[in-house]
Amino acid sequence: MDEEAITIKLTRDQAFVLSDWLYQVMFQSDDLEGIMHDRAVWSPIYAISGTLDKTLSEIFMPDYGPRLEAAKERLRADMYGGAGEPTTPGQHDRSTTSAPDRAGNSGEPR
């Protein structure tokens, strides 16, 4: 079996927003369990999450929420030609809180 590594390139904003989403579905809810029925998918999800956690200093900054919202707005503007795309009503994300304690997340299952 070929175990050649694959590189995925993301902008810093893409990585930051993806990291937040992964954190939400992996550690703040049971969403990932419902989305990922095959446990084999967890391996790459944890690898991606761990890599993002090691790379992004933003996730530990006290102004996490404003930085995340700014990154989301830039991505929306890039995708849709302007800001103002609403988030899903009732959506809960870390943007309303300070930086979470994620120092122990090494990308391995807990």
C-alpha atoms as a PDB file:
ATOM      1  CA  MET A   1       0.000   0.000   0.000  1.00  0.00           C
ATOM      2  CA  ASP A   2       1.290   3.431  -0.955  1.00  0.00           C
ATOM      3  CA  GLU A   3       1.766   5.658   2.107  1.00  0.00           C
ATOM      4  CA  GLU A   4       2.965   8.725   0.220  1.00  0.00           C
ATOM      5  CA  ALA A   5       2.066  11.900   2.111  1.00  0.00           C
ATOM      6  CA  ILE A   6      -0.289  14.408   0.518  1.00  0.00           C
ATOM      7  CA  THR A   7       0.069  18.123   1.062  1.00  0.00           C
ATOM      8  CA  ILE A   8      -2.989  20.355   1.282  1.00  0.00           C
ATOM      9  CA  LYS A   9      -2.444  24.091   1.016  1.00  0.00           C
ATOM     10  CA  LEU A  10      -4.778  26.524   2.739  1.00  0.00           C
ATOM     11  CA  THR A  11      -4.604  30.222   3.310  1.00  0.00           C
ATOM     12  CA  ARG A  12      -4.150  31.242   6.931  1.00  0.00           C
ATOM     13  CA  ASP A  13      -7.783  32.407   7.022  1.00  0.00           C
ATOM     14  CA  GLN A  14      -8.993  29.083   5.600  1.00  0.00           C
ATOM     15  CA  ALA A  15      -6.924  27.163   8.131  1.00  0.00           C
ATOM     16  CA  PHE A  16      -8.167  29.302  11.022  1.00  0.00           C
ATOM     17  CA  VAL A  17     -11.842  28.943  10.076  1.00  0.00           C
ATOM     18  CA  LEU A  18     -11.458  25.202   9.422  1.00  0.00           C
ATOM     19  CA  SER A  19      -9.699  24.767  12.760  1.00  0.00           C
ATOM     20  CA  ASP A  20     -12.572  26.475  14.539  1.00  0.00           C
ATOM     21  CA  TRP A  21     -15.160  24.316  12.765  1.00  0.00           C
ATOM     22  CA  LEU A  22     -13.255  21.123  13.519  1.00  0.00           C
ATOM     23  CA  TYR A  23     -12.950  22.119  17.155  1.00  0.00           C
ATOM     24  CA  GLN A  24     -16.700  22.722  17.313  1.00  0.00           C
ATOM     25  CA  VAL A  25     -17.714  19.388  15.818  1.00  0.00           C
ATOM     26  CA  MET A  26     -15.007  17.349  17.529  1.00  0.00           C
ATOM     27  CA  PHE A  27     -14.951  18.728  21.048  1.00  0.00           C
ATOM     28  CA  GLN A  28     -17.972  20.933  21.644  1.00  0.00           C
ATOM     29  CA  SER A  29     -20.733  18.732  20.227  1.00  0.00           C
ATOM     30  CA  ASP A  30     -21.557  15.275  19.022  1.00  0.00           C
ATOM     31  CA  ASP A  31     -21.815  16.442  15.392  1.00  0.00           C
ATOM     32  CA  LEU A  32     -18.759  14.584  14.106  1.00  0.00           C
ATOM     33  CA  GLU A  33     -20.062  11.284  15.445  1.00  0.00           C
ATOM     34  CA  GLY A  34     -23.230  11.800  13.380  1.00  0.00           C
ATOM     35  CA  ILE A  35     -21.361  12.961  10.292  1.00  0.00           C
ATOM     36  CA  MET A  36     -18.591  10.362  10.341  1.00  0.00           C
ATOM     37  CA  HIS A  37     -20.119   6.905  10.481  1.00  0.00           C
ATOM     38  CA  ASP A  38     -16.885   5.162   9.478  1.00  0.00           C
ATOM     39  CA  ARG A  39     -14.249   5.352  12.212  1.00  0.00           C
ATOM     40  CA  ALA A  40     -11.495   5.170   9.591  1.00  0.00           C
ATOM     41  CA  VAL A  41     -12.323   8.786   8.681  1.00  0.00           C
ATOM     42  CA  TRP A  42     -11.370   9.901  12.183  1.00  0.00           C
ATOM     43  CA  SER A  43      -7.673   9.272  11.502  1.00  0.00           C
ATOM     44  CA  PRO A  44      -7.298  11.961   8.823  1.00  0.00           C
ATOM     45  CA  ILE A  45      -9.638  14.325  10.706  1.00  0.00           C
ATOM     46  CA  TYR A  46      -7.448  14.125  13.807  1.00  0.00           C
ATOM     47  CA  ALA A  47      -4.304  14.536  11.696  1.00  0.00           C
ATOM     48  CA  ILE A  48      -5.682  17.689  10.059  1.00  0.00           C
ATOM     49  CA  SER A  49      -6.917  19.100  13.359  1.00  0.00           C
ATOM     50  CA  GLY A  50      -3.611  18.414  15.108  1.00  0.00           C
ATOM     51  CA  THR A  51      -1.611  19.986  12.290  1.00  0.00           C
ATOM     52  CA  LEU A  52      -3.781  23.100  12.386  1.00  0.00           C
ATOM     53  CA  ASP A  53      -3.464  23.332  16.168  1.00  0.00           C
ATOM     54  CA  LYS A  54       0.321  23.165  15.940  1.00  0.00           C
ATOM     55  CA  THR A  55       0.470  25.752  13.143  1.00  0.00           C
ATOM     56  CA  LEU A  56      -2.028  28.432  14.175  1.00  0.00           C
ATOM     57  CA  SER A  57      -0.954  30.749  16.963  1.00  0.00           C
ATOM     58  CA  GLU A  58      -4.285  32.592  16.545  1.00  0.00           C
ATOM     59  CA  ILE A  59      -6.179  29.893  18.415  1.00  0.00           C
ATOM     60  CA  PHE A  60      -4.395  30.868  21.635  1.00  0.00           C
ATOM     61  CA  MET A  61      -4.706  34.647  21.322  1.00  0.00           C
ATOM     62  CA  PRO A  62      -6.968  36.631  23.652  1.00  0.00           C
ATOM     63  CA  ASP A  63      -8.696  38.328  20.702  1.00  0.00           C
ATOM     64  CA  TYR A  64      -9.641  34.963  19.171  1.00  0.00           C
ATOM     65  CA  GLY A  65     -13.272  35.921  18.463  1.00  0.00           C
ATOM     66  CA  PRO A  66     -12.613  39.130  16.533  1.00  0.00           C
ATOM     67  CA  ARG A  67      -9.779  37.482  14.582  1.00  0.00           C
ATOM     68  CA  LEU A  68     -12.028  34.551  13.647  1.00  0.00           C
ATOM     69  CA  GLU A  69     -14.865  36.831  12.540  1.00  0.00           C
ATOM     70  CA  ALA A  70     -12.457  38.918  10.436  1.00  0.00           C
ATOM     71  CA  ALA A  71     -11.105  35.743   8.786  1.00  0.00           C
ATOM     72  CA  LYS A  72     -14.661  34.552   8.074  1.00  0.00           C
ATOM     73  CA  GLU A  73     -15.596  37.900   6.547  1.00  0.00           C
ATOM     74  CA  ARG A  74     -12.534  37.876   4.294  1.00  0.00           C
ATOM     75  CA  LEU A  75     -13.342  34.343   3.129  1.00  0.00           C
ATOM     76  CA  ARG A  76     -16.980  35.258   2.481  1.00  0.00           C
ATOM     77  CA  ALA A  77     -15.863  38.305   0.498  1.00  0.00           C
ATOM     78  CA  ASP A  78     -13.466  36.163  -1.538  1.00  0.00           C
ATOM     79  CA  MET A  79     -16.124  33.519  -2.215  1.00  0.00           C
ATOM     80  CA  TYR A  80     -19.204  35.657  -2.676  1.00  0.00           C
ATOM     81  CA  GLY A  81     -17.860  39.037  -3.725  1.00  0.00           C
ATOM     82  CA  GLY A  82     -18.759  40.816  -0.515  1.00  0.00           C
ATOM     83  CA  ALA A  83     -19.223  40.540   3.192  1.00  0.00           C
ATOM     84  CA  GLY A  84     -22.541  40.114   4.856  1.00  0.00           C
ATOM     85  CA  GLU A  85     -23.234  36.434   4.267  1.00  0.00           C
ATOM     86  CA  PRO A  86     -25.055  35.521   7.458  1.00  0.00           C
ATOM     87  CA  THR A  87     -24.009  32.614   9.600  1.00  0.00           C
ATOM     88  CA  THR A  88     -26.582  29.952  10.260  1.00  0.00           C
ATOM     89  CA  PRO A  89     -29.124  31.087  12.896  1.00  0.00           C
ATOM     90  CA  GLY A  90     -28.409  29.496  16.219  1.00  0.00           C
ATOM     91  CA  GLN A  91     -24.877  28.603  15.161  1.00  0.00           C
ATOM     92  CA  HIS A  92     -22.560  28.429  18.131  1.00  0.00           C
ATOM     93  CA  ASP A  93     -18.907  29.057  17.585  1.00  0.00           C
ATOM     94  CA  ARG A  94     -15.949  30.130  19.653  1.00  0.00           C
ATOM     95  CA  SER A  95     -16.130  33.651  18.259  1.00  0.00           C
ATOM     96  CA  THR A  96     -18.158  34.771  21.258  1.00  0.00           C
ATOM     97  CA  THR A  97     -15.674  33.437  23.770  1.00  0.00           C
ATOM     98  CA  SER A  98     -12.044  33.899  24.566  1.00  0.00           C
ATOM     99  CA  ALA A  99      -9.421  31.514  23.254  1.00  0.00           C
ATOM    100  CA  PRO A 100     -10.174  27.942  24.325  1.00  0.00           C
ATOM    101  CA  ASP A 101      -7.678  25.774  26.120  1.00  0.00           C
ATOM    102  CA  ARG A 102      -6.523  23.523  23.321  1.00  0.00           C
ATOM    103  CA  ALA A 103      -2.931  23.081  24.375  1.00  0.00           C
ATOM    104  CA  GLY A 104      -3.403  19.376  25.033  1.00  0.00           C
ATOM    105  CA  ASN A 105      -4.722  18.542  21.556  1.00  0.00           C
ATOM    106  CA  SER A 106      -1.908  16.730  19.832  1.00  0.00           C
ATOM    107  CA  GLY A 107      -4.001  15.462  16.965  1.00  0.00           C
ATOM    108  CA  GLU A 108      -4.496  12.089  18.617  1.00  0.00           C
ATOM    109  CA  PRO A 109      -7.855  10.693  19.729  1.00  0.00           C
ATOM    110  CA  ARG A 110      -8.709  11.289  23.356  1.00  0.00           C
END
